[in-house]
C-alpha atoms as a PDB file:
ATOM      1  CA  MET A   1     -22.262   1.642 -27.143  1.00  0.00           C
ATOM      2  CA  ILE A   2     -23.223  -2.014 -26.789  1.00  0.00           C
ATOM      3  CA  ARG A   3     -23.927  -3.292 -23.286  1.00  0.00           C
ATOM      4  CA  ALA A   4     -24.944  -6.828 -24.225  1.00  0.00           C
ATOM      5  CA  ARG A   5     -23.678 -10.120 -22.909  1.00  0.00           C
ATOM      6  CA  THR A   6     -24.768 -12.304 -25.825  1.00  0.00           C
ATOM      7  CA  LEU A   7     -24.296 -11.968 -29.573  1.00  0.00           C
ATOM      8  CA  THR A   8     -28.054 -11.843 -30.164  1.00  0.00           C
ATOM      9  CA  ASP A   9     -28.457  -8.919 -27.759  1.00  0.00           C
ATOM     10  CA  ALA A  10     -25.424  -7.199 -29.268  1.00  0.00           C
ATOM     11  CA  ARG A  11     -26.906  -7.425 -32.767  1.00  0.00           C
ATOM     12  CA  GLN A  12     -30.091  -5.784 -31.527  1.00  0.00           C
ATOM     13  CA  GLN A  13     -28.239  -2.985 -29.705  1.00  0.00           C
ATOM     14  CA  ALA A  14     -25.640  -2.233 -32.390  1.00  0.00           C
ATOM     15  CA  HIS A  15     -26.137   1.040 -34.223  1.00  0.00           C
ATOM     16  CA  SER A  16     -23.628   0.044 -36.882  1.00  0.00           C
ATOM     17  CA  ASN A  17     -21.677  -2.958 -38.079  1.00  0.00           C
ATOM     18  CA  ALA A  18     -18.476  -1.310 -36.879  1.00  0.00           C
ATOM     19  CA  GLU A  19     -19.698  -1.185 -33.284  1.00  0.00           C
ATOM     20  CA  LEU A  20     -20.789  -4.824 -33.447  1.00  0.00           C
ATOM     21  CA  ASN A  21     -17.425  -5.795 -34.916  1.00  0.00           C
ATOM     22  CA  TRP A  22     -15.591  -3.994 -32.078  1.00  0.00           C
ATOM     23  CA  TRP A  23     -17.827  -5.767 -29.553  1.00  0.00           C
ATOM     24  CA  LEU A  24     -16.893  -9.132 -31.118  1.00  0.00           C
ATOM     25  CA  PHE A  25     -13.227  -8.126 -31.326  1.00  0.00           C
ATOM     26  CA  MET A  26     -13.124  -7.436 -27.585  1.00  0.00           C
ATOM     27  CA  ARG A  27     -14.395 -10.933 -26.779  1.00  0.00           C
ATOM     28  CA  VAL A  28     -12.168 -12.761 -29.262  1.00  0.00           C
ATOM     29  CA  SER A  29      -9.008 -10.729 -28.591  1.00  0.00           C
ATOM     30  CA  GLY A  30      -9.463 -11.056 -24.825  1.00  0.00           C
ATOM     31  CA  LEU A  31      -9.636 -14.826 -25.125  1.00  0.00           C
ATOM     32  CA  ILE A  32      -6.633 -14.980 -27.467  1.00  0.00           C
ATOM     33  CA  LEU A  33      -4.630 -12.641 -25.226  1.00  0.00           C
ATOM     34  CA  VAL A  34      -5.233 -14.830 -22.171  1.00  0.00           C
ATOM     35  CA  PHE A  35      -3.648 -17.826 -23.878  1.00  0.00           C
ATOM     36  CA  LEU A  36      -0.857 -15.827 -25.541  1.00  0.00           C
ATOM     37  CA  ILE A  37       0.166 -14.177 -22.282  1.00  0.00           C
ATOM     38  CA  LEU A  38      -0.101 -17.351 -20.203  1.00  0.00           C
ATOM     39  CA  ALA A  39       2.100 -19.165 -22.730  1.00  0.00           C
ATOM     40  CA  HIS A  40       4.518 -16.227 -22.761  1.00  0.00           C
ATOM     41  CA  MET A  41       4.753 -16.262 -18.964  1.00  0.00           C
ATOM     42  CA  TYR A  42       5.279 -20.020 -18.961  1.00  0.00           C
ATOM     43  CA  MET A  43       8.045 -19.844 -21.551  1.00  0.00           C
ATOM     44  CA  THR A  44       9.683 -16.825 -19.939  1.00  0.00           C
ATOM     45  CA  PHE A  45       9.517 -17.615 -16.229  1.00  0.00           C
ATOM     46  CA  LEU A  46       8.927 -21.352 -15.777  1.00  0.00           C
ATOM     47  CA  GLN A  47      10.767 -22.920 -18.673  1.00  0.00           C
ATOM     48  CA  VAL A  48      13.955 -20.889 -18.174  1.00  0.00           C
ATOM     49  CA  SER A  49      15.945 -20.775 -14.942  1.00  0.00           C
ATOM     50  CA  GLU A  50      16.916 -17.445 -13.392  1.00  0.00           C
ATOM     51  CA  MET A  51      20.551 -18.016 -14.288  1.00  0.00           C
ATOM     52  CA  ASP A  52      19.655 -18.294 -17.989  1.00  0.00           C
ATOM     53  CA  ALA A  53      17.395 -15.216 -18.073  1.00  0.00           C
ATOM     54  CA  THR A  54      19.931 -12.705 -19.344  1.00  0.00           C
ATOM     55  CA  PHE A  55      19.828  -9.913 -21.889  1.00  0.00           C
ATOM     56  CA  ASP A  56      21.815 -12.032 -24.334  1.00  0.00           C
ATOM     57  CA  ALA A  57      19.328 -14.904 -23.984  1.00  0.00           C
ATOM     58  CA  VAL A  58      16.411 -12.562 -24.742  1.00  0.00           C
ATOM     59  CA  VAL A  59      18.212 -11.082 -27.771  1.00  0.00           C
ATOM     60  CA  ASN A  60      19.025 -14.594 -28.972  1.00  0.00           C
ATOM     61  CA  LYS A  61      15.380 -15.648 -28.577  1.00  0.00           C
ATOM     62  CA  LEU A  62      14.127 -12.559 -30.409  1.00  0.00           C
ATOM     63  CA  SER A  63      16.469 -13.139 -33.320  1.00  0.00           C
ATOM     64  CA  SER A  64      13.954 -15.735 -34.499  1.00  0.00           C
ATOM     65  CA  PRO A  65      11.178 -14.360 -36.763  1.00  0.00           C
ATOM     66  CA  ALA A  66       8.643 -16.660 -35.054  1.00  0.00           C
ATOM     67  CA  TRP A  67       9.310 -15.072 -31.649  1.00  0.00           C
ATOM     68  CA  LYS A  68       9.131 -11.600 -33.148  1.00  0.00           C
ATOM     69  CA  LEU A  69       5.778 -12.448 -34.699  1.00  0.00           C
ATOM     70  CA  TYR A  70       4.555 -13.909 -31.399  1.00  0.00           C
ATOM     71  CA  ASP A  71       5.576 -10.789 -29.460  1.00  0.00           C
ATOM     72  CA  PHE A  72       4.192  -8.512 -32.187  1.00  0.00           C
ATOM     73  CA  LEU A  73       0.857 -10.326 -31.914  1.00  0.00           C
ATOM     74  CA  ILE A  74       0.787  -9.739 -28.160  1.00  0.00           C
ATOM     75  CA  LEU A  75       1.766  -6.086 -28.663  1.00  0.00           C
ATOM     76  CA  SER A  76      -0.798  -5.335 -31.358  1.00  0.00           C
ATOM     77  CA  LEU A  77      -3.704  -7.266 -29.830  1.00  0.00           C
ATOM     78  CA  GLY A  78      -2.978  -5.888 -26.366  1.00  0.00           C
ATOM     79  CA  LEU A  79      -2.812  -2.284 -27.539  1.00  0.00           C
ATOM     80  CA  MET A  80      -5.930  -2.555 -29.697  1.00  0.00           C
ATOM     81  CA  HIS A  81      -7.848  -4.315 -26.916  1.00  0.00           C
ATOM     82  CA  GLY A  82      -6.731  -1.730 -24.365  1.00  0.00           C
ATOM     83  CA  ALA A  83      -7.453   1.218 -26.655  1.00  0.00           C
ATOM     84  CA  ASN A  84     -10.949  -0.034 -27.410  1.00  0.00           C
ATOM     85  CA  GLY A  85     -11.611  -0.613 -23.709  1.00  0.00           C
ATOM     86  CA  LEU A  86     -10.420   2.905 -22.901  1.00  0.00           C
ATOM     87  CA  ARG A  87     -12.647   4.219 -25.695  1.00  0.00           C
ATOM     88  CA  TYR A  88     -15.609   2.523 -23.999  1.00  0.00           C
ATOM     89  CA  VAL A  89     -14.665   4.165 -20.690  1.00  0.00           C
ATOM     90  CA  LEU A  90     -14.378   7.603 -22.311  1.00  0.00           C
ATOM     91  CA  GLU A  91     -17.737   7.168 -24.044  1.00  0.00           C
ATOM     92  CA  ASP A  92     -19.376   6.205 -20.759  1.00  0.00           C
ATOM     93  CA  HIS A  93     -17.881   8.819 -18.433  1.00  0.00           C
ATOM     94  CA  ILE A  94     -17.055  11.953 -20.441  1.00  0.00           C
ATOM     95  CA  ARG A  95     -20.314  13.727 -21.251  1.00  0.00           C
ATOM     96  CA  SER A  96     -18.906  16.765 -23.086  1.00  0.00           C
ATOM     97  CA  ARG A  97     -18.368  15.999 -26.793  1.00  0.00           C
ATOM     98  CA  PRO A  98     -15.392  18.381 -27.250  1.00  0.00           C
ATOM     99  CA  ASN A  99     -13.640  17.003 -24.154  1.00  0.00           C
ATOM    100  CA  ARG A 100     -14.311  13.445 -25.280  1.00  0.00           C
ATOM    101  CA  ALA A 101     -12.929  14.217 -28.746  1.00  0.00           C
ATOM    102  CA  TRP A 102      -9.720  15.728 -27.321  1.00  0.00           C
ATOM    103  CA  LEU A 103      -9.219  12.833 -24.926  1.00  0.00           C
ATOM    104  CA  LYS A 104      -9.778  10.295 -27.697  1.00  0.00           C
ATOM    105  CA  MET A 105      -7.304  12.107 -29.924  1.00  0.00           C
ATOM    106  CA  LEU A 106      -4.754  12.081 -27.091  1.00  0.00           C
ATOM    107  CA  MET A 107      -5.452   8.403 -26.418  1.00  0.00           C
ATOM    108  CA  TYR A 108      -5.054   7.404 -30.089  1.00  0.00           C
ATOM    109  CA  THR A 109      -1.818   9.416 -30.311  1.00  0.00           C
ATOM    110  CA  LEU A 110      -0.387   7.692 -27.235  1.00  0.00           C
ATOM    111  CA  ILE A 111      -1.472   4.247 -28.443  1.00  0.00           C
ATOM    112  CA  GLY A 112       0.094   4.957 -31.842  1.00  0.00           C
ATOM    113  CA  LEU A 113       3.363   6.052 -30.226  1.00  0.00           C
ATOM    114  CA  LEU A 114       3.415   2.956 -28.003  1.00  0.00           C
ATOM    115  CA  PHE A 115       2.760   0.750 -31.029  1.00  0.00           C
ATOM    116  CA  LEU A 116       5.531   2.466 -32.988  1.00  0.00           C
ATOM    117  CA  TYR A 117       7.957   2.248 -30.062  1.00  0.00           C
ATOM    118  CA  GLY A 118       7.183  -1.457 -29.491  1.00  0.00           C
ATOM    119  CA  THR A 119       7.408  -2.317 -33.182  1.00  0.00           C
ATOM    120  CA  VAL A 120      10.724  -0.523 -33.613  1.00  0.00           C
ATOM    121  CA  GLY A 121      12.003  -2.299 -30.508  1.00  0.00           C
ATOM    122  CA  LEU A 122      11.052  -5.698 -31.932  1.00  0.00           C
ATOM    123  CA  ILE A 123      12.503  -4.962 -35.363  1.00  0.00           C
ATOM    124  CA  ALA A 124      15.733  -3.485 -33.994  1.00  0.00           C
ATOM    125  CA  ILE A 125      16.722  -6.689 -32.174  1.00  0.00           C
END
């Protein structure tokens, strides 16, 4: 587990390239998610009046492949970022290896189901 604030410290603390890559992913995906979600909130709540925010308007917006890709990017980055953050929490607070393994397996199953459910929902519209 890397507890560094800078890339130089992270490289020194990393036990593997995978752990360093996940550390970098958390920083980059967090920054990207901030802008994606702020833009999504702007386009959803500020650009459209309450009278125009109907189910039909959302379905019409999601009929565009660009909007589907945009929402898929938020879905996938958000779930991966959240899953990796939860993995860090489990590594820090669950001392028993068997318990940690079961909880991680449950977490990955739930994240996979959420990803599948969200993807099917985006494709179905």
